[in-house]
C-alpha cells in the first residue's frame, strides 16, 4: 500500500517550468532536487548509528540530469560508504576468512554472528517526504521569481499527509 499525500501549487509551477527553455528548466529542477533532499539528509544524519561519525559525515546529496529526467538522492560517500547497506539492512551470520590478527593472537577464520538492521535512510525519506516535496516546490517558486522575474507571491506551496 503506497502512502499518499497532497501538495498544493505544484501544477501551476509545472506549467511555468514548461515555458522555460530546457536548459533553464533542468537547472531549476536540479536545485529543487537538492533543496528537497536536504530534509531527508538531515533526518538520516540524525538517525544513523554513530561510532566514529565517519558514515554520518559521508552522507551527501547528489543530483543528476539525463535526458528529461532530473534526480536528487542522499548517498553514502567516503571511507565508510561500504558500511551503509550493512547498517541499513543488517547482515546474516557469516565467516570472515583469515588469517586474522586479534589481541589474543592469530586465528584462521572468524564466525561473525551477524548484525541487526538499523535503518536510517528509508525512515528518513518516509518521515520527510512531504517536507521534501514542499521544499522542492518552494525552491522552484523562488527560482522563477528571482531569476525569471515572475510574480508568484499569490502561490502557496503547502502539503498535507
C-alpha atoms as a PDB file:
ATOM      1  CA  UNK A   1       0.000   0.000   0.000  1.00  0.00           C
ATOM      2  CA  UNK A   2       1.501   3.342  -1.065  1.00  0.00           C
ATOM      3  CA  UNK A   3       1.294   6.346   1.215  1.00  0.00           C
ATOM      4  CA  UNK A   4      -0.474   9.285  -0.368  1.00  0.00           C
ATOM      5  CA  UNK A   5      -0.253  12.975   0.393  1.00  0.00           C
ATOM      6  CA  UNK A   6      -1.236  16.159  -1.389  1.00  0.00           C
ATOM      7  CA  UNK A   7       0.937  19.141  -2.211  1.00  0.00           C
ATOM      8  CA  UNK A   8      -0.909  22.189  -3.487  1.00  0.00           C
ATOM      9  CA  UNK A   9       0.589  24.605  -6.010  1.00  0.00           C
ATOM     10  CA  UNK A  10       2.820  22.219  -7.969  1.00  0.00           C
ATOM     11  CA  UNK A  11       0.664  22.095 -11.106  1.00  0.00           C
ATOM     12  CA  UNK A  12       0.988  25.874 -11.625  1.00  0.00           C
ATOM     13  CA  UNK A  13       4.761  25.626 -11.102  1.00  0.00           C
ATOM     14  CA  UNK A  14       4.925  22.824 -13.674  1.00  0.00           C
ATOM     15  CA  UNK A  15       3.030  24.926 -16.207  1.00  0.00           C
ATOM     16  CA  UNK A  16       5.514  27.786 -15.719  1.00  0.00           C
ATOM     17  CA  UNK A  17       8.521  25.464 -15.902  1.00  0.00           C
ATOM     18  CA  UNK A  18       7.237  24.049 -19.190  1.00  0.00           C
ATOM     19  CA  UNK A  19       7.501  27.560 -20.681  1.00  0.00           C
ATOM     20  CA  UNK A  20      11.243  27.815 -19.910  1.00  0.00           C
ATOM     21  CA  UNK A  21      13.981  26.633 -22.260  1.00  0.00           C
ATOM     22  CA  UNK A  22      15.033  23.040 -21.462  1.00  0.00           C
ATOM     23  CA  UNK A  23      18.459  24.006 -20.026  1.00  0.00           C
ATOM     24  CA  UNK A  24      16.949  26.591 -17.653  1.00  0.00           C
ATOM     25  CA  UNK A  25      14.250  24.150 -16.591  1.00  0.00           C
ATOM     26  CA  UNK A  26      16.855  21.444 -15.894  1.00  0.00           C
ATOM     27  CA  UNK A  27      18.967  23.844 -13.793  1.00  0.00           C
ATOM     28  CA  UNK A  28      15.972  24.944 -11.743  1.00  0.00           C
ATOM     29  CA  UNK A  29      14.910  21.321 -11.228  1.00  0.00           C
ATOM     30  CA  UNK A  30      18.419  20.222 -10.143  1.00  0.00           C
ATOM     31  CA  UNK A  31      18.373  22.931  -7.493  1.00  0.00           C
ATOM     32  CA  UNK A  32      14.881  21.835  -6.495  1.00  0.00           C
ATOM     33  CA  UNK A  33      16.033  18.221  -6.099  1.00  0.00           C
ATOM     34  CA  UNK A  34      18.904  19.415  -3.901  1.00  0.00           C
ATOM     35  CA  UNK A  35      16.515  21.526  -1.780  1.00  0.00           C
ATOM     36  CA  UNK A  36      14.080  18.622  -1.499  1.00  0.00           C
ATOM     37  CA  UNK A  37      16.856  16.248  -0.433  1.00  0.00           C
ATOM     38  CA  UNK A  38      18.055  18.466   2.425  1.00  0.00           C
ATOM     39  CA  UNK A  39      15.345  17.469   4.955  1.00  0.00           C
ATOM     40  CA  UNK A  40      15.947  13.788   4.159  1.00  0.00           C
ATOM     41  CA  UNK A  41      19.722  14.229   4.571  1.00  0.00           C
ATOM     42  CA  UNK A  42      19.316  15.997   7.918  1.00  0.00           C
ATOM     43  CA  UNK A  43      16.963  13.284   9.218  1.00  0.00           C
ATOM     44  CA  UNK A  44      19.262  10.479   8.043  1.00  0.00           C
ATOM     45  CA  UNK A  45      22.282  12.130   9.705  1.00  0.00           C
ATOM     46  CA  UNK A  46      20.341  12.493  12.947  1.00  0.00           C
ATOM     47  CA  UNK A  47      19.339   8.833  12.977  1.00  0.00           C
ATOM     48  CA  UNK A  48      22.346   6.938  11.639  1.00  0.00           C
ATOM     49  CA  UNK A  49      24.110   4.704  14.140  1.00  0.00           C
ATOM     50  CA  UNK A  50      27.272   6.579  15.143  1.00  0.00           C
ATOM     51  CA  UNK A  51      30.531   5.069  16.321  1.00  0.00           C
ATOM     52  CA  UNK A  52      33.208   7.280  14.772  1.00  0.00           C
ATOM     53  CA  UNK A  53      30.896   9.609  12.824  1.00  0.00           C
ATOM     54  CA  UNK A  54      32.591   8.818   9.506  1.00  0.00           C
ATOM     55  CA  UNK A  55      29.463   7.236   7.989  1.00  0.00           C
ATOM     56  CA  UNK A  56      27.283  10.134   9.165  1.00  0.00           C
ATOM     57  CA  UNK A  57      29.742  12.713   7.831  1.00  0.00           C
ATOM     58  CA  UNK A  58      29.888  10.882   4.498  1.00  0.00           C
ATOM     59  CA  UNK A  59      26.159  11.273   3.817  1.00  0.00           C
ATOM     60  CA  UNK A  60      25.779  13.713   0.925  1.00  0.00           C
ATOM     61  CA  UNK A  61      23.275  14.902  -1.668  1.00  0.00           C
ATOM     62  CA  UNK A  62      23.890  14.125  -5.334  1.00  0.00           C
ATOM     63  CA  UNK A  63      21.849  15.319  -8.289  1.00  0.00           C
ATOM     64  CA  UNK A  64      21.876  14.258 -11.906  1.00  0.00           C
ATOM     65  CA  UNK A  65      20.103  15.173 -15.110  1.00  0.00           C
ATOM     66  CA  UNK A  66      19.921  12.801 -18.042  1.00  0.00           C
ATOM     67  CA  UNK A  67      17.525  13.220 -20.899  1.00  0.00           C
ATOM     68  CA  UNK A  68      14.349  14.679 -19.462  1.00  0.00           C
ATOM     69  CA  UNK A  69      14.852  13.171 -16.013  1.00  0.00           C
ATOM     70  CA  UNK A  70      16.309  15.064 -13.057  1.00  0.00           C
ATOM     71  CA  UNK A  71      17.150  13.124  -9.890  1.00  0.00           C
ATOM     72  CA  UNK A  72      18.215  14.009  -6.387  1.00  0.00           C
ATOM     73  CA  UNK A  73      19.355  11.468  -3.822  1.00  0.00           C
ATOM     74  CA  UNK A  74      21.051  11.072  -0.483  1.00  0.00           C
ATOM     75  CA  UNK A  75      24.083   8.789  -0.761  1.00  0.00           C
ATOM     76  CA  UNK A  76      26.836   7.492   1.478  1.00  0.00           C
ATOM     77  CA  UNK A  77      30.296   8.582   0.332  1.00  0.00           C
ATOM     78  CA  UNK A  78      33.786   8.439   1.743  1.00  0.00           C
ATOM     79  CA  UNK A  79      35.732   5.870   3.722  1.00  0.00           C
ATOM     80  CA  UNK A  80      32.759   4.139   5.349  1.00  0.00           C
ATOM     81  CA  UNK A  81      30.287   4.267   2.441  1.00  0.00           C
ATOM     82  CA  UNK A  82      30.524   0.494   2.020  1.00  0.00           C
ATOM     83  CA  UNK A  83      29.151   0.051   5.557  1.00  0.00           C
ATOM     84  CA  UNK A  84      25.877   1.906   4.852  1.00  0.00           C
ATOM     85  CA  UNK A  85      23.960  -1.087   3.397  1.00  0.00           C
ATOM     86  CA  UNK A  86      25.143  -3.296   6.277  1.00  0.00           C
ATOM     87  CA  UNK A  87      23.839  -0.763   8.812  1.00  0.00           C
ATOM     88  CA  UNK A  88      20.595  -0.123   6.912  1.00  0.00           C
ATOM     89  CA  UNK A  89      19.714  -3.776   6.203  1.00  0.00           C
ATOM     90  CA  UNK A  90      21.825  -5.743   8.698  1.00  0.00           C
ATOM     91  CA  UNK A  91      23.885  -8.836   7.900  1.00  0.00           C
ATOM     92  CA  UNK A  92      23.391 -12.567   8.240  1.00  0.00           C
ATOM     93  CA  UNK A  93      25.812 -14.662  10.257  1.00  0.00           C
ATOM     94  CA  UNK A  94      28.896 -15.309   8.140  1.00  0.00           C
ATOM     95  CA  UNK A  95      32.510 -16.447   8.159  1.00  0.00           C
ATOM     96  CA  UNK A  96      35.272 -13.841   7.923  1.00  0.00           C
ATOM     97  CA  UNK A  97      38.152 -15.643   6.227  1.00  0.00           C
ATOM     98  CA  UNK A  98      41.515 -15.399   7.946  1.00  0.00           C
ATOM     99  CA  UNK A  99      44.183 -15.255   8.927  1.00  0.00           C
ATOM    100  CA  UNK A 100      43.076 -12.517  11.294  1.00  0.00           C
ATOM    101  CA  UNK A 101      45.153 -10.926  13.996  1.00  0.00           C
ATOM    102  CA  UNK A 102      43.332 -10.439  17.281  1.00  0.00           C
ATOM    103  CA  UNK A 103      44.638  -9.156  20.591  1.00  0.00           C
ATOM    104  CA  UNK A 104      44.939 -12.770  21.713  1.00  0.00           C
ATOM    105  CA  UNK A 105      46.892 -13.776  18.592  1.00  0.00           C
ATOM    106  CA  UNK A 106      46.272 -15.038  15.070  1.00  0.00           C
ATOM    107  CA  UNK A 107      43.187 -17.066  14.088  1.00  0.00           C
ATOM    108  CA  UNK A 108      42.357 -18.829  10.836  1.00  0.00           C
ATOM    109  CA  UNK A 109      38.710 -17.759  10.360  1.00  0.00           C
ATOM    110  CA  UNK A 110      36.173 -15.862  12.437  1.00  0.00           C
ATOM    111  CA  UNK A 111      32.460 -16.558  12.780  1.00  0.00           C
ATOM    112  CA  UNK A 112      30.557 -13.299  12.705  1.00  0.00           C
ATOM    113  CA  UNK A 113      27.135 -13.576  14.401  1.00  0.00           C
ATOM    114  CA  UNK A 114      25.546 -11.098  12.002  1.00  0.00           C
ATOM    115  CA  UNK A 115      24.306  -7.596  12.706  1.00  0.00           C
ATOM    116  CA  UNK A 116      20.820  -6.314  13.385  1.00  0.00           C
ATOM    117  CA  UNK A 117      19.459  -3.806  10.847  1.00  0.00           C
ATOM    118  CA  UNK A 118      19.466  -0.172  11.992  1.00  0.00           C
ATOM    119  CA  UNK A 119      17.649   1.602   9.142  1.00  0.00           C
ATOM    120  CA  UNK A 120      18.304   5.310   8.794  1.00  0.00           C
ATOM    121  CA  UNK A 121      17.821   6.153   5.100  1.00  0.00           C
ATOM    122  CA  UNK A 122      14.345   4.766   4.355  1.00  0.00           C
ATOM    123  CA  UNK A 123      12.833   6.010   7.634  1.00  0.00           C
ATOM    124  CA  UNK A 124      14.278   9.464   6.882  1.00  0.00           C
ATOM    125  CA  UNK A 125      12.545   9.505   3.498  1.00  0.00           C
ATOM    126  CA  UNK A 126       9.296   8.218   4.994  1.00  0.00           C
ATOM    127  CA  UNK A 127       9.308  10.920   7.674  1.00  0.00           C
ATOM    128  CA  UNK A 128      10.386  13.790   5.418  1.00  0.00           C
ATOM    129  CA  UNK A 129       8.584  13.072   2.134  1.00  0.00           C
ATOM    130  CA  UNK A 130       6.076  15.922   2.416  1.00  0.00           C
ATOM    131  CA  UNK A 131       8.719  18.390   3.629  1.00  0.00           C
ATOM    132  CA  UNK A 132      10.957  17.316   0.747  1.00  0.00           C
ATOM    133  CA  UNK A 133       8.317  17.938  -1.928  1.00  0.00           C
ATOM    134  CA  UNK A 134       7.301  21.268  -0.383  1.00  0.00           C
ATOM    135  CA  UNK A 135      10.979  22.367  -0.174  1.00  0.00           C
ATOM    136  CA  UNK A 136      11.474  21.474  -3.849  1.00  0.00           C
ATOM    137  CA  UNK A 137       8.324  23.398  -4.780  1.00  0.00           C
ATOM    138  CA  UNK A 138       9.429  26.435  -2.774  1.00  0.00           C
ATOM    139  CA  UNK A 139      12.831  26.354  -4.467  1.00  0.00           C
ATOM    140  CA  UNK A 140      11.175  26.325  -7.892  1.00  0.00           C
ATOM    141  CA  UNK A 141       8.878  29.175  -6.872  1.00  0.00           C
ATOM    142  CA  UNK A 142      11.778  31.286  -5.573  1.00  0.00           C
ATOM    143  CA  UNK A 143      13.869  30.499  -8.656  1.00  0.00           C
ATOM    144  CA  UNK A 144      11.095  31.547 -11.022  1.00  0.00           C
ATOM    145  CA  UNK A 145      10.535  34.743  -9.037  1.00  0.00           C
ATOM    146  CA  UNK A 146      14.178  35.756  -8.535  1.00  0.00           C
ATOM    147  CA  UNK A 147      15.857  34.582 -11.741  1.00  0.00           C
ATOM    148  CA  UNK A 148      12.999  34.901 -14.209  1.00  0.00           C
ATOM    149  CA  UNK A 149      11.060  37.836 -12.783  1.00  0.00           C
ATOM    150  CA  UNK A 150       7.723  36.074 -12.410  1.00  0.00           C
ATOM    151  CA  UNK A 151       5.366  37.304  -9.699  1.00  0.00           C
ATOM    152  CA  UNK A 152       4.330  34.200  -7.774  1.00  0.00           C
ATOM    153  CA  UNK A 153       3.562  35.877  -4.447  1.00  0.00           C
ATOM    154  CA  UNK A 154      -0.023  34.568  -4.738  1.00  0.00           C
ATOM    155  CA  UNK A 155       1.155  30.955  -4.987  1.00  0.00           C
ATOM    156  CA  UNK A 156       1.454  28.955  -1.776  1.00  0.00           C
ATOM    157  CA  UNK A 157       3.187  25.604  -1.706  1.00  0.00           C
ATOM    158  CA  UNK A 158       1.782  23.507   1.121  1.00  0.00           C
ATOM    159  CA  UNK A 159       1.496  19.840   1.870  1.00  0.00           C
ATOM    160  CA  UNK A 160      -0.672  17.583   3.956  1.00  0.00           C
ATOM    161  CA  UNK A 161      -0.385  13.916   4.863  1.00  0.00           C
END
